C-alpha atoms as a PDB file:
ATOM      1  CA  MET A   1     190.894  -5.483 176.222  1.00  0.00           C
ATOM      2  CA  GLY A   2     193.200  -8.214 177.485  1.00  0.00           C
ATOM      3  CA  CYS A   3     190.471 -10.834 177.199  1.00  0.00           C
ATOM      4  CA  TYR A   4     189.691  -9.735 173.650  1.00  0.00           C
ATOM      5  CA  ALA A   5     193.384  -9.670 172.643  1.00  0.00           C
ATOM      6  CA  VAL A   6     193.965 -13.231 173.868  1.00  0.00           C
ATOM      7  CA  THR A   7     190.803 -14.452 172.106  1.00  0.00           C
ATOM      8  CA  ALA A   8     191.717 -12.735 168.828  1.00  0.00           C
ATOM      9  CA  LEU A   9     195.243 -14.148 168.927  1.00  0.00           C
ATOM     10  CA  TRP A  10     193.956 -17.665 169.582  1.00  0.00           C
ATOM     11  CA  GLU A  11     191.518 -17.392 166.668  1.00  0.00           C
ATOM     12  CA  LYS A  12     194.353 -16.361 164.348  1.00  0.00           C
ATOM     13  CA  VAL A  13     196.356 -19.396 165.496  1.00  0.00           C
ATOM     14  CA  GLN A  14     193.352 -21.656 164.860  1.00  0.00           C
ATOM     15  CA  THR A  15     192.794 -20.145 161.406  1.00  0.00           C
ATOM     16  CA  ALA A  16     196.467 -20.569 160.523  1.00  0.00           C
ATOM     17  CA  ALA A  17     196.155 -24.211 161.524  1.00  0.00           C
ATOM     18  CA  GLY A  18     193.303 -24.625 159.038  1.00  0.00           C
ATOM     19  CA  LYS A  19     190.525 -24.873 161.608  1.00  0.00           C
ATOM     20  CA  ALA A  20     187.170 -23.180 161.005  1.00  0.00           C
ATOM     21  CA  PRO A  21     186.187 -20.489 163.534  1.00  0.00           C
ATOM     22  CA  HIS A  22     183.944 -21.658 166.354  1.00  0.00           C
ATOM     23  CA  ALA A  23     180.338 -20.508 166.578  1.00  0.00           C
ATOM     24  CA  ARG A  24     180.059 -17.927 169.366  1.00  0.00           C
ATOM     25  CA  CYS A  25     177.227 -15.720 170.554  1.00  0.00           C
ATOM     26  CA  VAL A  26     176.701 -12.818 172.942  1.00  0.00           C
ATOM     27  CA  VAL A  27     173.212 -11.904 174.167  1.00  0.00           C
ATOM     28  CA  LEU A  28     172.801  -8.231 175.094  1.00  0.00           C
ATOM     29  CA  TYR A  29     170.111  -6.881 177.397  1.00  0.00           C
ATOM     30  CA  TYR A  30     168.742  -3.354 177.694  1.00  0.00           C
ATOM     31  CA  HIS A  31     165.875  -1.812 179.637  1.00  0.00           C
ATOM     32  CA  ALA A  32     164.237   1.472 178.578  1.00  0.00           C
ATOM     33  CA  MET A  33     165.220   3.439 175.454  1.00  0.00           C
ATOM     34  CA  PRO A  34     164.414   7.155 175.887  1.00  0.00           C
ATOM     35  CA  LEU A  35     164.357   9.422 172.853  1.00  0.00           C
ATOM     36  CA  ARG A  36     167.629  11.098 173.845  1.00  0.00           C
ATOM     37  CA  GLN A  37     169.396   7.736 173.421  1.00  0.00           C
ATOM     38  CA  ARG A  38     167.880   6.736 170.087  1.00  0.00           C
ATOM     39  CA  LYS A  39     170.758   7.952 167.886  1.00  0.00           C
ATOM     40  CA  ARG A  40     173.348   6.302 170.106  1.00  0.00           C
ATOM     41  CA  PHE A  41     171.358   3.058 170.101  1.00  0.00           C
ATOM     42  CA  ALA A  42     171.165   3.186 166.287  1.00  0.00           C
ATOM     43  CA  ARG A  43     174.953   3.595 166.179  1.00  0.00           C
ATOM     44  CA  GLN A  44     175.323   0.586 168.475  1.00  0.00           C
ATOM     45  CA  MET A  45     173.196  -1.558 166.193  1.00  0.00           C
ATOM     46  CA  ASP A  46     175.424  -0.541 163.258  1.00  0.00           C
ATOM     47  CA  ILE A  47     178.441  -1.643 165.308  1.00  0.00           C
ATOM     48  CA  LEU A  48     176.684  -4.922 166.094  1.00  0.00           C
ATOM     49  CA  LEU A  49     176.115  -5.597 162.389  1.00  0.00           C
ATOM     50  CA  ARG A  50     179.765  -4.872 161.596  1.00  0.00           C
ATOM     51  CA  CYS A  51     181.065  -7.158 164.346  1.00  0.00           C
ATOM     52  CA  ALA A  52     178.575 -10.030 164.371  1.00  0.00           C
ATOM     53  CA  LYS A  53     175.613 -11.726 162.746  1.00  0.00           C
ATOM     54  CA  PRO A  54     172.223 -11.054 164.395  1.00  0.00           C
ATOM     55  CA  ALA A  55     170.894 -14.126 166.212  1.00  0.00           C
ATOM     56  CA  HIS A  56     167.304 -14.844 167.161  1.00  0.00           C
ATOM     57  CA  PRO A  57     166.860 -15.199 170.955  1.00  0.00           C
ATOM     58  CA  GLU A  58     164.566 -18.181 170.323  1.00  0.00           C
ATOM     59  CA  LEU A  59     167.303 -19.994 168.405  1.00  0.00           C
ATOM     60  CA  LYS A  60     166.572 -23.697 167.911  1.00  0.00           C
ATOM     61  CA  ALA A  61     169.220 -24.659 165.338  1.00  0.00           C
ATOM     62  CA  PRO A  62     173.021 -24.739 165.743  1.00  0.00           C
ATOM     63  CA  LEU A  63     174.767 -21.446 165.047  1.00  0.00           C
ATOM     64  CA  SER A  64     176.838 -21.105 161.910  1.00  0.00           C
ATOM     65  CA  PRO A  65     180.612 -20.555 162.433  1.00  0.00           C
ATOM     66  CA  GLY A  66     181.631 -17.078 163.527  1.00  0.00           C
ATOM     67  CA  LEU A  67     180.390 -14.476 165.993  1.00  0.00           C
ATOM     68  CA  HIS A  68     176.687 -13.836 166.598  1.00  0.00           C
ATOM     69  CA  ALA A  69     174.820 -11.370 168.792  1.00  0.00           C
ATOM     70  CA  ALA A  70     171.244 -11.329 170.067  1.00  0.00           C
ATOM     71  CA  VAL A  71     169.328  -8.376 171.524  1.00  0.00           C
ATOM     72  CA  THR A  72     166.868  -8.445 174.421  1.00  0.00           C
ATOM     73  CA  PHE A  73     164.965  -5.877 176.505  1.00  0.00           C
ATOM     74  CA  ASP A  74     163.682  -6.373 180.057  1.00  0.00           C
ATOM     75  CA  ASP A  75     160.541  -4.982 181.731  1.00  0.00           C
ATOM     76  CA  GLY A  76     158.466  -3.908 178.700  1.00  0.00           C
ATOM     77  CA  TYR A  77     158.862  -0.117 178.482  1.00  0.00           C
ATOM     78  CA  GLN A  78     156.905   1.869 175.906  1.00  0.00           C
ATOM     79  CA  SER A  79     160.077   3.765 174.984  1.00  0.00           C
ATOM     80  CA  VAL A  80     161.501   0.552 173.520  1.00  0.00           C
ATOM     81  CA  VAL A  81     158.595   0.378 171.067  1.00  0.00           C
ATOM     82  CA  GLU A  82     158.871   4.091 170.282  1.00  0.00           C
ATOM     83  CA  ASN A  83     162.647   4.409 169.879  1.00  0.00           C
ATOM     84  CA  ALA A  84     164.395   1.028 169.696  1.00  0.00           C
ATOM     85  CA  LEU A  85     161.915  -0.933 167.569  1.00  0.00           C
ATOM     86  CA  PRO A  86     162.145   1.394 164.515  1.00  0.00           C
ATOM     87  CA  GLU A  87     165.954   1.156 164.503  1.00  0.00           C
ATOM     88  CA  LEU A  88     165.852  -2.628 164.811  1.00  0.00           C
ATOM     89  CA  GLN A  89     163.258  -2.863 162.026  1.00  0.00           C
ATOM     90  CA  LYS A  90     165.481  -0.805 159.704  1.00  0.00           C
ATOM     91  CA  ARG A  91     168.299  -3.290 160.253  1.00  0.00           C
ATOM     92  CA  ASN A  92     166.134  -6.429 160.439  1.00  0.00           C
ATOM     93  CA  ILE A  93     167.517  -7.334 163.867  1.00  0.00           C
ATOM     94  CA  PRO A  94     165.176  -9.613 165.859  1.00  0.00           C
ATOM     95  CA  PHE A  95     164.873  -9.194 169.605  1.00  0.00           C
ATOM     96  CA  ALA A  96     163.190 -10.578 172.704  1.00  0.00           C
ATOM     97  CA  PHE A  97     160.970  -8.342 174.827  1.00  0.00           C
ATOM     98  CA  PHE A  98     160.546  -9.609 178.401  1.00  0.00           C
ATOM     99  CA  VAL A  99     157.397  -8.090 179.892  1.00  0.00           C
ATOM    100  CA  VAL A 100     156.196  -7.745 183.481  1.00  0.00           C
ATOM    101  CA  SER A 101     152.722  -9.083 182.810  1.00  0.00           C
ATOM    102  CA  HIS A 102     150.675  -7.546 185.621  1.00  0.00           C
ATOM    103  CA  ALA A 103     152.103  -4.054 185.035  1.00  0.00           C
ATOM    104  CA  LEU A 104     150.723  -3.662 181.499  1.00  0.00           C
ATOM    105  CA  GLY A 105     149.754  -0.049 180.863  1.00  0.00           C
ATOM    106  CA  GLY A 106     151.130   1.108 184.226  1.00  0.00           C
ATOM    107  CA  PRO A 107     154.371   2.409 185.785  1.00  0.00           C
ATOM    108  CA  ALA A 108     157.364   0.364 186.872  1.00  0.00           C
ATOM    109  CA  ARG A 109     156.546   0.321 190.570  1.00  0.00           C
ATOM    110  CA  TRP A 110     159.371  -2.079 191.450  1.00  0.00           C
ATOM    111  CA  ILE A 111     162.159   0.511 190.985  1.00  0.00           C
ATOM    112  CA  PRO A 112     163.002   1.997 194.416  1.00  0.00           C
ATOM    113  CA  GLU A 113     163.757   5.666 194.992  1.00  0.00           C
ATOM    114  CA  GLY A 114     167.455   6.386 194.579  1.00  0.00           C
ATOM    115  CA  GLU A 115     168.017   3.529 192.147  1.00  0.00           C
ATOM    116  CA  ALA A 116     170.929   4.351 189.815  1.00  0.00           C
ATOM    117  CA  TYR A 117     168.877   3.365 186.782  1.00  0.00           C
ATOM    118  CA  ARG A 118     165.417   4.868 186.412  1.00  0.00           C
ATOM    119  CA  PRO A 119     163.295   5.216 183.247  1.00  0.00           C
ATOM    120  CA  ASP A 120     162.087   8.649 182.176  1.00  0.00           C
ATOM    121  CA  GLU A 121     158.967  10.062 183.829  1.00  0.00           C
ATOM    122  CA  GLY A 122     155.909   8.720 182.040  1.00  0.00           C
ATOM    123  CA  ASP A 123     157.752   5.793 180.440  1.00  0.00           C
ATOM    124  CA  ASN A 124     155.203   3.174 181.464  1.00  0.00           C
ATOM    125  CA  ILE A 125     155.010  -0.481 180.621  1.00  0.00           C
ATOM    126  CA  LEU A 126     153.283  -0.924 177.272  1.00  0.00           C
ATOM    127  CA  SER A 127     149.566  -1.759 177.218  1.00  0.00           C
ATOM    128  CA  ALA A 128     147.980  -5.037 176.148  1.00  0.00           C
ATOM    129  CA  GLU A 129     146.913  -3.391 172.867  1.00  0.00           C
ATOM    130  CA  GLN A 130     150.467  -2.208 172.174  1.00  0.00           C
ATOM    131  CA  LEU A 131     151.764  -5.675 173.000  1.00  0.00           C
ATOM    132  CA  ARG A 132     149.423  -7.245 170.462  1.00  0.00           C
ATOM    133  CA  GLY A 133     150.523  -4.704 167.839  1.00  0.00           C
ATOM    134  CA  LEU A 134     154.212  -5.659 167.884  1.00  0.00           C
ATOM    135  CA  PRO A 135     155.512  -7.327 164.692  1.00  0.00           C
ATOM    136  CA  ALA A 136     155.614 -11.042 165.477  1.00  0.00           C
ATOM    137  CA  ASN A 137     158.172 -11.688 162.725  1.00  0.00           C
ATOM    138  CA  LEU A 138     160.746  -9.521 164.552  1.00  0.00           C
ATOM    139  CA  VAL A 139     159.754  -9.486 168.228  1.00  0.00           C
ATOM    140  CA  VAL A 140     159.437 -12.528 170.458  1.00  0.00           C
ATOM    141  CA  ILE A 141     157.623 -11.846 173.730  1.00  0.00           C
ATOM    142  CA  GLY A 142     158.825 -13.451 176.932  1.00  0.00           C
ATOM    143  CA  SER A 143     157.757 -13.320 180.559  1.00  0.00           C
ATOM    144  CA  HIS A 144     159.517 -11.260 183.237  1.00  0.00           C
ATOM    145  CA  THR A 145     157.176 -12.414 186.049  1.00  0.00           C
ATOM    146  CA  MET A 146     153.955 -10.815 187.268  1.00  0.00           C
ATOM    147  CA  SER A 147     155.459  -8.108 189.498  1.00  0.00           C
ATOM    148  CA  HIS A 148     159.284  -8.102 189.111  1.00  0.00           C
ATOM    149  CA  PRO A 149     160.190  -9.505 192.564  1.00  0.00           C
ATOM    150  CA  GLN A 150     163.430 -10.964 193.873  1.00  0.00           C
ATOM    151  CA  LEU A 151     162.345 -14.521 193.104  1.00  0.00           C
ATOM    152  CA  PRO A 152     164.812 -16.360 195.404  1.00  0.00           C
ATOM    153  CA  GLU A 153     163.371 -14.448 198.377  1.00  0.00           C
ATOM    154  CA  LEU A 154     159.796 -15.637 197.773  1.00  0.00           C
ATOM    155  CA  PRO A 155     158.162 -18.744 199.261  1.00  0.00           C
ATOM    156  CA  GLU A 156     157.958 -21.594 196.781  1.00  0.00           C
ATOM    157  CA  GLU A 157     154.254 -21.210 196.023  1.00  0.00           C
ATOM    158  CA  ALA A 158     154.527 -17.450 195.451  1.00  0.00           C
ATOM    159  CA  ALA A 159     157.537 -17.901 193.159  1.00  0.00           C
ATOM    160  CA  LYS A 160     155.709 -20.534 191.127  1.00  0.00           C
ATOM    161  CA  GLN A 161     152.724 -18.206 190.755  1.00  0.00           C
ATOM    162  CA  GLU A 162     155.009 -15.454 189.409  1.00  0.00           C
ATOM    163  CA  LEU A 163     156.274 -17.902 186.782  1.00  0.00           C
ATOM    164  CA  THR A 164     153.000 -19.517 185.751  1.00  0.00           C
ATOM    165  CA  GLN A 165     150.472 -16.678 186.014  1.00  0.00           C
ATOM    166  CA  SER A 166     152.653 -14.222 184.111  1.00  0.00           C
ATOM    167  CA  ARG A 167     152.952 -16.726 181.277  1.00  0.00           C
ATOM    168  CA  ALA A 168     149.219 -17.438 181.319  1.00  0.00           C
ATOM    169  CA  LEU A 169     148.260 -13.761 181.126  1.00  0.00           C
ATOM    170  CA  LEU A 170     150.664 -13.008 178.262  1.00  0.00           C
ATOM    171  CA  GLU A 171     149.388 -16.031 176.341  1.00  0.00           C
ATOM    172  CA  GLN A 172     145.819 -14.848 176.892  1.00  0.00           C
ATOM    173  CA  VAL A 173     146.690 -11.359 175.589  1.00  0.00           C
ATOM    174  CA  LEU A 174     148.678 -12.565 172.574  1.00  0.00           C
ATOM    175  CA  GLN A 175     146.871 -15.803 171.792  1.00  0.00           C
ATOM    176  CA  ARG A 176     150.177 -17.570 171.261  1.00  0.00           C
ATOM    177  CA  GLU A 177     152.615 -19.579 173.338  1.00  0.00           C
ATOM    178  CA  ILE A 178     155.160 -17.837 175.584  1.00  0.00           C
ATOM    179  CA  ARG A 179     158.371 -19.862 175.567  1.00  0.00           C
ATOM    180  CA  LEU A 180     161.030 -17.523 177.001  1.00  0.00           C
ATOM    181  CA  PHE A 181     161.602 -16.072 180.478  1.00  0.00           C
ATOM    182  CA  SER A 182     164.150 -13.748 182.066  1.00  0.00           C
ATOM    183  CA  PHE A 183     164.861 -13.518 185.792  1.00  0.00           C
ATOM    184  CA  PRO A 184     164.185 -10.095 187.369  1.00  0.00           C
ATOM    185  CA  HIS A 185     167.405  -8.629 188.764  1.00  0.00           C
ATOM    186  CA  GLY A 186     169.144 -11.700 187.315  1.00  0.00           C
ATOM    187  CA  ALA A 187     168.418 -13.487 190.586  1.00  0.00           C
ATOM    188  CA  PHE A 188     167.843 -17.232 190.404  1.00  0.00           C
ATOM    189  CA  ASN A 189     168.837 -20.596 191.847  1.00  0.00           C
ATOM    190  CA  SER A 190     168.571 -24.246 190.844  1.00  0.00           C
ATOM    191  CA  SER A 191     165.042 -24.572 192.253  1.00  0.00           C
ATOM    192  CA  LEU A 192     163.808 -21.654 190.155  1.00  0.00           C
ATOM    193  CA  VAL A 193     165.359 -23.163 187.029  1.00  0.00           C
ATOM    194  CA  LYS A 194     163.514 -26.407 187.800  1.00  0.00           C
ATOM    195  CA  TRP A 195     160.210 -24.561 188.320  1.00  0.00           C
ATOM    196  CA  CYS A 196     160.702 -22.683 185.043  1.00  0.00           C
ATOM    197  CA  ARG A 197     160.970 -26.014 183.241  1.00  0.00           C
ATOM    198  CA  GLU A 198     157.824 -27.213 184.986  1.00  0.00           C
ATOM    199  CA  ALA A 199     156.035 -23.992 183.997  1.00  0.00           C
ATOM    200  CA  GLY A 200     156.717 -24.760 180.340  1.00  0.00           C
ATOM    201  CA  TYR A 201     159.466 -22.276 179.438  1.00  0.00           C
ATOM    202  CA  GLU A 202     161.865 -23.513 176.768  1.00  0.00           C
ATOM    203  CA  ARG A 203     164.714 -21.128 177.641  1.00  0.00           C
ATOM    204  CA  VAL A 204     165.454 -18.753 180.530  1.00  0.00           C
ATOM    205  CA  PHE A 205     167.837 -15.798 180.623  1.00  0.00           C
ATOM    206  CA  SER A 206     170.137 -14.618 183.401  1.00  0.00           C
ATOM    207  CA  ILE A 207     172.439 -11.582 183.554  1.00  0.00           C
ATOM    208  CA  GLU A 208     175.717 -13.499 183.779  1.00  0.00           C
ATOM    209  CA  PRO A 209     177.964 -12.090 181.000  1.00  0.00           C
ATOM    210  CA  VAL A 210     178.959 -15.410 179.461  1.00  0.00           C
ATOM    211  CA  MET A 211     179.031 -16.637 175.874  1.00  0.00           C
ATOM    212  CA  ALA A 212     175.612 -17.978 174.963  1.00  0.00           C
ATOM    213  CA  LEU A 213     173.626 -20.244 172.651  1.00  0.00           C
ATOM    214  CA  SER A 214     176.552 -22.494 171.790  1.00  0.00           C
ATOM    215  CA  ASP A 215     174.050 -25.304 172.191  1.00  0.00           C
ATOM    216  CA  PRO A 216     170.545 -24.772 170.721  1.00  0.00           C
ATOM    217  CA  HIS A 217     169.212 -26.856 173.629  1.00  0.00           C
ATOM    218  CA  GLU A 218     170.887 -24.624 176.227  1.00  0.00           C
ATOM    219  CA  TYR A 219     168.376 -23.806 178.960  1.00  0.00           C
ATOM    220  CA  VAL A 220     169.923 -21.034 181.088  1.00  0.00           C
ATOM    221  CA  THR A 221     171.367 -18.374 178.778  1.00  0.00           C
ATOM    222  CA  GLY A 222     173.678 -15.641 180.039  1.00  0.00           C
ATOM    223  CA  ARG A 223     173.509 -12.034 178.888  1.00  0.00           C
ATOM    224  CA  VAL A 224     175.699  -8.922 178.868  1.00  0.00           C
ATOM    225  CA  TRP A 225     174.233  -5.644 180.118  1.00  0.00           C
ATOM    226  CA  ALA A 226     174.250  -2.867 177.513  1.00  0.00           C
ATOM    227  CA  ASP A 227     173.285   0.784 177.638  1.00  0.00           C
ATOM    228  CA  ALA A 228     172.966   3.243 174.782  1.00  0.00           C
ATOM    229  CA  ASP A 229     175.368   5.539 176.666  1.00  0.00           C
ATOM    230  CA  ASP A 230     178.164   2.965 176.537  1.00  0.00           C
ATOM    231  CA  TRP A 231     181.310   4.209 174.803  1.00  0.00           C
ATOM    232  CA  ASN A 232     181.621   2.835 171.282  1.00  0.00           C
ATOM    233  CA  LEU A 233     184.733   0.839 172.245  1.00  0.00           C
ATOM    234  CA  GLU A 234     183.016  -0.475 175.372  1.00  0.00           C
ATOM    235  CA  PHE A 235     179.995  -1.617 173.381  1.00  0.00           C
ATOM    236  CA  ARG A 236     182.168  -3.204 170.706  1.00  0.00           C
ATOM    237  CA  LEU A 237     184.008  -5.193 173.358  1.00  0.00           C
ATOM    238  CA  LYS A 238     180.693  -6.343 174.819  1.00  0.00           C
ATOM    239  CA  VAL A 239     179.539  -7.610 171.416  1.00  0.00           C
ATOM    240  CA  LEU A 240     182.890  -9.346 170.925  1.00  0.00           C
ATOM    241  CA  GLY A 241     182.466 -11.264 174.195  1.00  0.00           C
ATOM    242  CA  ALA A 242     185.313  -9.543 176.011  1.00  0.00           C
ATOM    243  CA  TYR A 243     183.358  -9.257 179.277  1.00  0.00           C
ATOM    244  CA  ARG A 244     183.016 -12.987 179.813  1.00  0.00           C
ATOM    245  CA  TRP A 245     185.809 -12.923 182.417  1.00  0.00           C
ATOM    246  CA  LEU A 246     183.527 -11.139 184.908  1.00  0.00           C
ATOM    247  CA  PRO A 247     181.766 -14.229 186.384  1.00  0.00           C
ATOM    248  CA  ALA A 248     185.138 -15.811 187.186  1.00  0.00           C
ATOM    249  CA  ALA A 249     186.344 -12.541 188.739  1.00  0.00           C
ATOM    250  CA  PHE A 250     183.212 -12.307 190.894  1.00  0.00           C
ATOM    251  CA  GLU A 251     183.698 -15.910 192.016  1.00  0.00           C
ATOM    252  CA  TRP A 252     187.331 -15.284 192.956  1.00  0.00           C
ATOM    253  CA  LYS A 253     186.266 -12.177 194.881  1.00  0.00           C
ATOM    254  CA  ARG A 254     183.588 -14.163 196.730  1.00  0.00           C
ATOM    255  CA  LYS A 255     186.089 -16.861 197.706  1.00  0.00           C
ATOM    256  CA  LEU A 256     188.675 -14.298 198.775  1.00  0.00           C
ATOM    257  CA  LEU A 257     186.194 -12.422 200.960  1.00  0.00           C
ATOM    258  CA  GLY A 258     185.016 -15.715 202.435  1.00  0.00           C
ATOM    259  CA  ALA A 259     188.583 -16.687 203.282  1.00  0.00           C
ATOM    260  CA  LEU A 260     189.250 -13.302 204.908  1.00  0.00           C
ATOM    261  CA  LYS A 261     186.140 -13.636 207.066  1.00  0.00           C
ATOM    262  CA  LYS A 262     187.132 -17.074 208.425  1.00  0.00           C
ATOM    263  CA  PRO A 263     188.202 -16.964 212.071  1.00  0.00           C
ATOM    264  CA  SER A 264     191.852 -17.641 212.772  1.00  0.00           C
ATOM    265  CA  ARG A 265     192.957 -20.695 214.781  1.00  0.00           C
ATOM    266  CA  ASN A 266     192.972 -18.736 218.038  1.00  0.00           C
ATOM    267  CA  GLY A 267     189.340 -17.775 217.471  1.00  0.00           C
ATOM    268  CA  SER A 268     189.927 -14.121 216.525  1.00  0.00           C
ATOM    269  CA  HIS A 269     188.798 -12.543 213.261  1.00  0.00           C
END
């Protein structure tokens, strides 16, 4: 709320000074969309339309002044096609669907037991036929690797295979170019970004909740996690970019913990 209040006040000052509002964009990311959440998701998309202009995740031109929001989904769950797609079609909101290529038609085997977030029983990854049937004018397909691993933990050759073979399979299924990629678990490093460029991706997506797409040539795009069970106020603040302070807070926490762990001059901890 504090972040939003400061931003809103600054924008009023800028407007009073005769300056046009800056172009800003938030990219949201979801996972599954079970039937029980459909009405809440529809309400969120209405909030999005009231607060911002829908942006295409494959944006290649500069944004117009004002606030924009883009929608993405990770993993490739069938429930997204069944429950989220119809609501997005009604509102003409484009979205990116990042698919784990070698799990098509099967379960999400990468989610460990006890994980806080789990899709509903039977909510498999969509099949190749379902993937081909998605409306290309609204849905852009991206890669989410072959098997959803922690990419930074893999040897270089295995990581490169996850990037290149997932793209190749999706292109074979869809008969069109795959240009977008999102990192599983949001885990990446500078080497992985370099290998994504080499693999031919035009834009990659992280899960850092920062403002995005200010530059149409931006390569690593941050996203804000969203869930249909978010409170309306919470979701509105996410769309408005009020969570962009989190990366700085995490960095301060990391530095503070690092300083506390340093041995003292006498060698004790």
